[in-house]
Amino acid sequence: MPDAERLVEQQYAMLLRRDVARLPDLYAPEAFYSMPGVTVRPIELPALLRTWTGAFPDLLVDPLGAVRTSSGAAVELRLSGTHTGTLHSPYGTVAPTGRSVSWEVADVVRARRGRIVAWRSYFDWSQLLDSLGVHFDGLSRAAQHDSLALPV
């Protein structure tokens, strides 16, 4: 199994076990993890992922498919959970709504010498926040879903 695929599986398993303290061990020292609006170093990753498991204590990861390369992997997955904790987003803090939601994510991971060097997680914040019932003034629903305004 290529390094990236093995490392991706390890990170997802650690997240599901809520064993995120050792996640930096999977990363090279110069590596980074990013998601829309946030980029962190490996040492900061456990705190970031704890905010997600705090907001969605029953968070589940459902891989839908993967593409592998010699130095990386791209994984499509569905995350789901019940929003019973505070969600911290680049758009502000969202108080618990009690809603069960799911959203799709694409993770693009590069590895070198058995360690992750870059992990980019892509998802649509507006879709997630909309499913939680959070709406922002000044951003119309038409603009949120206009294929010319937002890349798919």
N, C-alpha and C. Protein backbone atom coordinates (compact mmCIF):
# COMPACT_ATOMS: atom_id res chain seq x y z
N MET A 1 0.85 -1.18 0.00
CA MET A 1 0.00 0.00 0.00
C MET A 1 0.90 1.24 0.00
N PRO A 2 0.67 2.17 -0.91
CA PRO A 2 1.48 3.40 -0.94
C PRO A 2 1.39 4.16 0.38
N ASP A 3 2.47 4.91 0.67
CA ASP A 3 2.54 5.65 1.93
C ASP A 3 1.33 6.54 2.17
N ALA A 4 0.95 7.33 1.17
CA ALA A 4 -0.14 8.29 1.37
C ALA A 4 -1.44 7.58 1.74
N GLU A 5 -1.76 6.51 1.04
CA GLU A 5 -3.00 5.78 1.34
C GLU A 5 -2.99 5.23 2.76
N ARG A 6 -1.89 4.66 3.17
CA ARG A 6 -1.77 4.12 4.53
C ARG A 6 -1.90 5.25 5.56
N LEU A 7 -1.26 6.38 5.31
CA LEU A 7 -1.32 7.50 6.24
C LEU A 7 -2.72 8.10 6.32
N VAL A 8 -3.42 8.17 5.20
CA VAL A 8 -4.80 8.66 5.20
C VAL A 8 -5.67 7.74 6.05
N GLU A 9 -5.55 6.45 5.83
CA GLU A 9 -6.33 5.49 6.63
C GLU A 9 -6.01 5.62 8.11
N GLN A 10 -4.74 5.81 8.45
CA GLN A 10 -4.36 5.98 9.85
C GLN A 10 -4.99 7.24 10.44
N GLN A 11 -4.95 8.36 9.69
CA GLN A 11 -5.52 9.59 10.23
C GLN A 11 -7.03 9.45 10.43
N TYR A 12 -7.75 8.88 9.47
CA TYR A 12 -9.19 8.69 9.63
C TYR A 12 -9.49 7.79 10.83
N ALA A 13 -8.71 6.71 10.99
CA ALA A 13 -8.92 5.80 12.13
C ALA A 13 -8.67 6.51 13.45
N MET A 14 -7.63 7.32 13.51
CA MET A 14 -7.34 8.06 14.74
C MET A 14 -8.45 9.05 15.05
N LEU A 15 -8.99 9.71 14.02
CA LEU A 15 -10.09 10.65 14.21
C LEU A 15 -11.32 9.91 14.75
N LEU A 16 -11.63 8.76 14.17
CA LEU A 16 -12.80 8.00 14.62
C LEU A 16 -12.64 7.50 16.06
N ARG A 17 -11.40 7.18 16.46
CA ARG A 17 -11.14 6.75 17.84
C ARG A 17 -11.00 7.94 18.79
N ARG A 18 -11.03 9.16 18.23
CA ARG A 18 -10.81 10.40 18.98
C ARG A 18 -9.43 10.40 19.61
N ASP A 19 -8.49 9.75 18.96
CA ASP A 19 -7.10 9.64 19.38
C ASP A 19 -6.26 10.58 18.53
N VAL A 20 -6.53 11.90 18.64
CA VAL A 20 -5.89 12.86 17.75
C VAL A 20 -4.58 13.42 18.28
N ALA A 21 -4.23 13.14 19.52
CA ALA A 21 -3.01 13.70 20.10
C ALA A 21 -1.76 13.28 19.34
N ARG A 22 -1.78 12.07 18.76
CA ARG A 22 -0.60 11.56 18.07
C ARG A 22 -0.60 11.84 16.57
N LEU A 23 -1.58 12.60 16.08
CA LEU A 23 -1.63 12.91 14.64
C LEU A 23 -0.36 13.58 14.12
N PRO A 24 0.26 14.49 14.86
CA PRO A 24 1.48 15.12 14.33
C PRO A 24 2.56 14.10 13.98
N ASP A 25 2.54 12.91 14.60
CA ASP A 25 3.54 11.88 14.30
C ASP A 25 3.44 11.39 12.86
N LEU A 26 2.28 11.56 12.23
CA LEU A 26 2.08 11.13 10.84
C LEU A 26 2.66 12.14 9.84
N TYR A 27 2.99 13.34 10.31
CA TYR A 27 3.38 14.45 9.45
C TYR A 27 4.87 14.75 9.51
N ALA A 28 5.42 15.20 8.40
CA ALA A 28 6.78 15.73 8.37
C ALA A 28 6.78 17.07 9.11
N PRO A 29 7.90 17.46 9.70
CA PRO A 29 7.94 18.71 10.47
C PRO A 29 7.52 19.95 9.67
N GLU A 30 7.83 19.99 8.38
CA GLU A 30 7.50 21.16 7.55
C GLU A 30 6.10 21.08 6.93
N ALA A 31 5.35 20.07 7.24
CA ALA A 31 4.04 19.81 6.63
C ALA A 31 2.98 20.81 7.09
N PHE A 32 1.82 20.73 6.41
CA PHE A 32 0.67 21.54 6.81
C PHE A 32 -0.62 20.78 6.53
N TYR A 33 -1.66 21.20 7.22
CA TYR A 33 -3.02 20.70 7.01
C TYR A 33 -3.87 21.94 6.75
N SER A 34 -4.68 21.89 5.69
CA SER A 34 -5.53 23.04 5.41
C SER A 34 -6.95 22.61 5.08
N MET A 35 -7.87 23.49 5.42
CA MET A 35 -9.27 23.38 5.03
C MET A 35 -9.71 24.79 4.70
N PRO A 36 -10.86 24.96 4.06
CA PRO A 36 -11.25 26.33 3.70
C PRO A 36 -11.22 27.28 4.89
N GLY A 37 -10.37 28.29 4.78
CA GLY A 37 -10.27 29.32 5.81
C GLY A 37 -9.29 29.04 6.92
N VAL A 38 -8.64 27.87 6.92
CA VAL A 38 -7.75 27.51 8.03
C VAL A 38 -6.56 26.70 7.50
N THR A 39 -5.36 27.07 7.92
CA THR A 39 -4.17 26.26 7.66
C THR A 39 -3.40 26.17 8.96
N VAL A 40 -3.01 24.92 9.32
CA VAL A 40 -2.28 24.72 10.57
C VAL A 40 -1.05 23.84 10.33
N ARG A 41 -0.13 23.95 11.26
CA ARG A 41 1.03 23.07 11.29
C ARG A 41 0.61 21.77 11.97
N PRO A 42 1.39 20.70 11.81
CA PRO A 42 1.01 19.42 12.42
C PRO A 42 0.78 19.51 13.94
N ILE A 43 1.56 20.29 14.64
CA ILE A 43 1.41 20.40 16.09
C ILE A 43 0.05 21.00 16.48
N GLU A 44 -0.54 21.79 15.57
CA GLU A 44 -1.84 22.43 15.84
C GLU A 44 -3.03 21.59 15.40
N LEU A 45 -2.78 20.53 14.65
CA LEU A 45 -3.86 19.72 14.10
C LEU A 45 -4.75 19.06 15.15
N PRO A 46 -4.21 18.49 16.22
CA PRO A 46 -5.11 17.89 17.22
C PRO A 46 -6.14 18.88 17.76
N ALA A 47 -5.74 20.10 18.05
CA ALA A 47 -6.70 21.09 18.56
C ALA A 47 -7.77 21.40 17.53
N LEU A 48 -7.35 21.53 16.26
CA LEU A 48 -8.33 21.80 15.21
C LEU A 48 -9.34 20.67 15.09
N LEU A 49 -8.87 19.44 15.06
CA LEU A 49 -9.80 18.32 14.91
C LEU A 49 -10.65 18.10 16.16
N ARG A 50 -10.14 18.49 17.32
CA ARG A 50 -10.97 18.41 18.54
C ARG A 50 -12.13 19.39 18.47
N THR A 51 -11.95 20.51 17.77
CA THR A 51 -13.10 21.42 17.62
C THR A 51 -14.20 20.75 16.80
N TRP A 52 -13.82 19.96 15.81
CA TRP A 52 -14.82 19.25 15.01
C TRP A 52 -15.49 18.14 15.81
N THR A 53 -14.71 17.34 16.55
CA THR A 53 -15.33 16.26 17.34
C THR A 53 -16.07 16.83 18.55
N GLY A 54 -15.71 18.04 18.97
CA GLY A 54 -16.49 18.71 20.02
C GLY A 54 -17.82 19.20 19.50
N ALA A 55 -17.84 19.70 18.28
CA ALA A 55 -19.08 20.18 17.67
C ALA A 55 -19.97 19.02 17.24
N PHE A 56 -19.35 17.93 16.80
CA PHE A 56 -20.06 16.75 16.33
C PHE A 56 -19.49 15.52 17.05
N PRO A 57 -19.89 15.29 18.32
CA PRO A 57 -19.29 14.19 19.09
C PRO A 57 -19.47 12.82 18.45
N ASP A 58 -20.51 12.65 17.64
CA ASP A 58 -20.74 11.37 16.98
C ASP A 58 -20.25 11.37 15.53
N LEU A 59 -19.29 12.23 15.22
CA LEU A 59 -18.78 12.40 13.87
C LEU A 59 -18.36 11.05 13.27
N LEU A 60 -18.85 10.80 12.05
CA LEU A 60 -18.49 9.60 11.31
C LEU A 60 -17.83 9.97 10.00
N VAL A 61 -16.91 9.12 9.55
CA VAL A 61 -16.19 9.30 8.30
C VAL A 61 -16.58 8.14 7.39
N ASP A 62 -17.14 8.45 6.23
CA ASP A 62 -17.55 7.43 5.28
C ASP A 62 -16.82 7.66 3.96
N PRO A 63 -15.68 6.98 3.73
CA PRO A 63 -14.97 7.15 2.46
C PRO A 63 -15.83 6.67 1.29
N LEU A 64 -15.87 7.47 0.21
CA LEU A 64 -16.69 7.13 -0.95
C LEU A 64 -15.86 6.65 -2.13
N GLY A 65 -14.59 7.03 -2.16
CA GLY A 65 -13.71 6.62 -3.25
C GLY A 65 -12.37 7.29 -3.11
N ALA A 66 -11.39 6.76 -3.83
CA ALA A 66 -10.04 7.31 -3.74
C ALA A 66 -9.32 7.15 -5.08
N VAL A 67 -8.40 8.07 -5.31
CA VAL A 67 -7.50 8.01 -6.45
C VAL A 67 -6.10 8.09 -5.87
N ARG A 68 -5.23 7.19 -6.31
CA ARG A 68 -3.88 7.14 -5.78
C ARG A 68 -2.87 7.54 -6.84
N THR A 69 -1.80 8.17 -6.38
CA THR A 69 -0.66 8.47 -7.26
C THR A 69 0.59 7.94 -6.57
N SER A 70 1.73 8.10 -7.21
CA SER A 70 2.97 7.60 -6.61
C SER A 70 3.32 8.34 -5.32
N SER A 71 2.88 9.58 -5.20
CA SER A 71 3.25 10.36 -4.00
C SER A 71 2.05 10.88 -3.23
N GLY A 72 0.84 10.42 -3.56
CA GLY A 72 -0.31 10.97 -2.86
C GLY A 72 -1.58 10.21 -3.08
N ALA A 73 -2.65 10.79 -2.57
CA ALA A 73 -3.97 10.22 -2.70
C ALA A 73 -5.00 11.33 -2.60
N ALA A 74 -6.09 11.15 -3.32
CA ALA A 74 -7.25 12.04 -3.20
C ALA A 74 -8.41 11.16 -2.78
N VAL A 75 -9.09 11.57 -1.73
CA VAL A 75 -10.17 10.77 -1.18
C VAL A 75 -11.44 11.60 -1.11
N GLU A 76 -12.52 11.04 -1.62
CA GLU A 76 -13.84 11.66 -1.48
C GLU A 76 -14.53 10.95 -0.32
N LEU A 77 -15.11 11.72 0.58
CA LEU A 77 -15.75 11.12 1.74
C LEU A 77 -16.96 11.93 2.16
N ARG A 78 -17.77 11.31 2.97
CA ARG A 78 -18.91 11.99 3.57
C ARG A 78 -18.68 12.00 5.08
N LEU A 79 -18.77 13.18 5.67
CA LEU A 79 -18.75 13.32 7.11
C LEU A 79 -20.19 13.51 7.57
N SER A 80 -20.50 12.94 8.71
CA SER A 80 -21.85 13.13 9.26
C SER A 80 -21.78 13.14 10.77
N GLY A 81 -22.75 13.81 11.36
CA GLY A 81 -22.81 13.88 12.81
C GLY A 81 -23.94 14.77 13.27
N THR A 82 -24.14 14.77 14.57
CA THR A 82 -25.17 15.60 15.19
C THR A 82 -24.49 16.79 15.84
N HIS A 83 -24.95 17.98 15.51
CA HIS A 83 -24.33 19.22 15.98
C HIS A 83 -24.80 19.53 17.40
N THR A 84 -24.09 18.97 18.39
CA THR A 84 -24.46 19.18 19.80
C THR A 84 -23.44 20.00 20.56
N GLY A 85 -22.37 20.42 19.89
CA GLY A 85 -21.36 21.26 20.52
C GLY A 85 -21.12 22.50 19.68
N THR A 86 -20.35 23.42 20.20
CA THR A 86 -20.05 24.67 19.50
C THR A 86 -19.15 24.40 18.30
N LEU A 87 -19.53 24.95 17.14
CA LEU A 87 -18.73 24.83 15.92
C LEU A 87 -18.01 26.16 15.69
N HIS A 88 -16.70 26.10 15.58
CA HIS A 88 -15.91 27.29 15.28
C HIS A 88 -15.59 27.26 13.79
N SER A 89 -16.02 28.30 13.09
CA SER A 89 -15.80 28.37 11.65
C SER A 89 -15.10 29.69 11.32
N PRO A 90 -14.57 29.81 10.10
CA PRO A 90 -13.97 31.09 9.70
C PRO A 90 -15.00 32.21 9.65
N TYR A 91 -16.29 31.85 9.70
CA TYR A 91 -17.37 32.83 9.61
C TYR A 91 -17.95 33.17 10.98
N GLY A 92 -17.42 32.56 12.02
CA GLY A 92 -17.90 32.82 13.36
C GLY A 92 -18.22 31.52 14.08
N THR A 93 -18.70 31.68 15.29
CA THR A 93 -19.03 30.54 16.14
C THR A 93 -20.51 30.20 15.97
N VAL A 94 -20.79 28.92 15.86
CA VAL A 94 -22.16 28.45 15.68
C VAL A 94 -22.54 27.63 16.91
N ALA A 95 -23.55 28.13 17.64
CA ALA A 95 -24.04 27.42 18.82
C ALA A 95 -24.68 26.11 18.38
N PRO A 96 -24.72 25.12 19.27
CA PRO A 96 -25.30 23.82 18.92
C PRO A 96 -26.74 23.98 18.41
N THR A 97 -27.03 23.28 17.32
CA THR A 97 -28.38 23.31 16.75
C THR A 97 -29.15 22.02 17.00
N GLY A 98 -28.45 20.96 17.36
CA GLY A 98 -29.09 19.66 17.54
C GLY A 98 -29.41 18.96 16.23
N ARG A 99 -29.04 19.55 15.10
CA ARG A 99 -29.35 18.96 13.80
C ARG A 99 -28.34 17.87 13.42
N SER A 100 -28.86 16.83 12.82
CA SER A 100 -28.01 15.80 12.22
C SER A 100 -27.74 16.23 10.78
N VAL A 101 -26.48 16.26 10.41
CA VAL A 101 -26.09 16.74 9.09
C VAL A 101 -25.04 15.82 8.49
N SER A 102 -24.90 15.93 7.18
CA SER A 102 -23.78 15.28 6.50
C SER A 102 -23.30 16.22 5.41
N TRP A 103 -22.02 16.14 5.10
CA TRP A 103 -21.44 16.97 4.06
C TRP A 103 -20.30 16.21 3.42
N GLU A 104 -20.07 16.53 2.15
CA GLU A 104 -19.03 15.85 1.41
C GLU A 104 -17.73 16.65 1.43
N VAL A 105 -16.63 15.90 1.45
CA VAL A 105 -15.29 16.46 1.57
C VAL A 105 -14.40 15.77 0.55
N ALA A 106 -13.44 16.49 0.02
CA ALA A 106 -12.38 15.90 -0.80
C ALA A 106 -11.06 16.19 -0.10
N ASP A 107 -10.34 15.16 0.25
CA ASP A 107 -9.03 15.30 0.87
C ASP A 107 -7.96 14.96 -0.16
N VAL A 108 -7.01 15.86 -0.32
CA VAL A 108 -5.88 15.64 -1.23
C VAL A 108 -4.62 15.63 -0.37
N VAL A 109 -3.93 14.50 -0.41
CA VAL A 109 -2.81 14.27 0.51
C VAL A 109 -1.56 13.91 -0.29
N ARG A 110 -0.45 14.53 0.09
CA ARG A 110 0.85 14.18 -0.47
C ARG A 110 1.74 13.65 0.65
N ALA A 111 2.51 12.62 0.35
CA ALA A 111 3.41 12.03 1.34
C ALA A 111 4.80 11.87 0.73
N ARG A 112 5.77 11.87 1.62
CA ARG A 112 7.16 11.66 1.22
C ARG A 112 7.87 10.96 2.36
N ARG A 113 8.59 9.92 2.02
CA ARG A 113 9.37 9.16 3.02
C ARG A 113 8.54 8.74 4.23
N GLY A 114 7.33 8.28 3.97
CA GLY A 114 6.50 7.73 5.03
C GLY A 114 5.81 8.74 5.93
N ARG A 115 5.81 10.03 5.54
CA ARG A 115 5.15 11.07 6.34
C ARG A 115 4.31 11.96 5.43
N ILE A 116 3.24 12.50 5.98
CA ILE A 116 2.41 13.44 5.24
C ILE A 116 3.16 14.76 5.14
N VAL A 117 3.20 15.34 3.93
CA VAL A 117 3.82 16.65 3.76
C VAL A 117 2.77 17.73 3.47
N ALA A 118 1.61 17.32 2.97
CA ALA A 118 0.52 18.28 2.73
C ALA A 118 -0.81 17.54 2.76
N TRP A 119 -1.76 18.10 3.47
CA TRP A 119 -3.12 17.56 3.51
C TRP A 119 -4.06 18.74 3.30
N ARG A 120 -4.75 18.71 2.17
CA ARG A 120 -5.73 19.75 1.86
C ARG A 120 -7.12 19.13 1.88
N SER A 121 -7.97 19.67 2.71
CA SER A 121 -9.34 19.19 2.84
C SER A 121 -10.27 20.24 2.24
N TYR A 122 -11.05 19.85 1.24
CA TYR A 122 -11.93 20.78 0.54
C TYR A 122 -13.39 20.43 0.82
N PHE A 123 -14.17 21.42 1.22
CA PHE A 123 -15.61 21.24 1.38
C PHE A 123 -16.26 22.61 1.30
N ASP A 124 -17.57 22.60 1.20
CA ASP A 124 -18.35 23.83 1.01
C ASP A 124 -18.93 24.27 2.36
N TRP A 125 -18.30 25.28 2.96
CA TRP A 125 -18.79 25.80 4.24
C TRP A 125 -20.25 26.24 4.13
N SER A 126 -20.62 26.90 3.03
CA SER A 126 -21.99 27.41 2.92
C SER A 126 -23.00 26.27 2.93
N GLN A 127 -22.67 25.14 2.32
CA GLN A 127 -23.57 23.99 2.34
C GLN A 127 -23.72 23.45 3.76
N LEU A 128 -22.60 23.31 4.46
CA LEU A 128 -22.65 22.81 5.83
C LEU A 128 -23.43 23.76 6.73
N LEU A 129 -23.11 25.04 6.66
CA LEU A 129 -23.80 26.01 7.53
C LEU A 129 -25.28 26.12 7.18
N ASP A 130 -25.61 26.02 5.90
CA ASP A 130 -27.01 26.04 5.48
C ASP A 130 -27.76 24.84 6.07
N SER A 131 -27.14 23.68 6.07
CA SER A 131 -27.80 22.49 6.63
C SER A 131 -27.97 22.60 8.15
N LEU A 132 -27.14 23.44 8.78
CA LEU A 132 -27.29 23.70 10.22
C LEU A 132 -28.30 24.82 10.49
N GLY A 133 -28.83 25.43 9.43
CA GLY A 133 -29.80 26.51 9.58
C GLY A 133 -29.17 27.87 9.80
N VAL A 134 -27.87 27.99 9.48
CA VAL A 134 -27.16 29.25 9.65
C VAL A 134 -27.15 29.98 8.31
N HIS A 135 -27.60 31.23 8.31
CA HIS A 135 -27.64 32.02 7.08
C HIS A 135 -26.95 33.35 7.34
N PHE A 136 -26.25 33.84 6.33
CA PHE A 136 -25.53 35.08 6.46
C PHE A 136 -26.21 36.16 5.65
N ASP A 137 -26.37 37.33 6.26
CA ASP A 137 -26.90 38.47 5.52
C ASP A 137 -25.88 38.87 4.46
N GLY A 138 -26.39 39.34 3.33
CA GLY A 138 -25.51 39.82 2.27
C GLY A 138 -25.06 38.75 1.31
N LEU A 139 -25.34 37.49 1.56
CA LEU A 139 -25.00 36.42 0.65
C LEU A 139 -26.28 35.70 0.29
N SER A 140 -26.76 35.97 -0.90
CA SER A 140 -28.05 35.41 -1.30
C SER A 140 -27.91 33.93 -1.60
N ARG A 141 -29.01 33.21 -1.50
CA ARG A 141 -29.01 31.79 -1.83
C ARG A 141 -28.65 31.60 -3.30
N ALA A 142 -29.07 32.54 -4.16
CA ALA A 142 -28.72 32.43 -5.58
C ALA A 142 -27.21 32.49 -5.77
N ALA A 143 -26.55 33.38 -5.04
CA ALA A 143 -25.10 33.50 -5.16
C ALA A 143 -24.41 32.25 -4.61
N GLN A 144 -24.97 31.67 -3.55
CA GLN A 144 -24.38 30.47 -2.97
C GLN A 144 -24.40 29.31 -3.97
N HIS A 145 -25.40 29.25 -4.81
CA HIS A 145 -25.56 28.10 -5.69
C HIS A 145 -25.35 28.43 -7.16
N ASP A 146 -24.93 29.64 -7.47
CA ASP A 146 -24.68 30.04 -8.85
C ASP A 146 -23.35 29.43 -9.30
N SER A 147 -23.42 28.56 -10.30
CA SER A 147 -22.22 27.86 -10.74
C SER A 147 -21.18 28.83 -11.31
N LEU A 148 -21.59 30.02 -11.74
CA LEU A 148 -20.63 30.99 -12.24
C LEU A 148 -19.96 31.74 -11.10
N ALA A 149 -20.65 31.87 -9.97
CA ALA A 149 -20.11 32.63 -8.85
C ALA A 149 -19.18 31.77 -7.99
N LEU A 150 -19.49 30.50 -7.85
CA LEU A 150 -18.70 29.62 -6.99
C LEU A 150 -18.28 28.37 -7.76
N PRO A 151 -17.00 28.03 -7.74
CA PRO A 151 -16.59 26.80 -8.43
C PRO A 151 -17.20 25.58 -7.75
N VAL A 152 -17.46 24.58 -8.53
CA VAL A 152 -18.04 23.34 -8.01
C VAL A 152 -16.94 22.37 -7.71
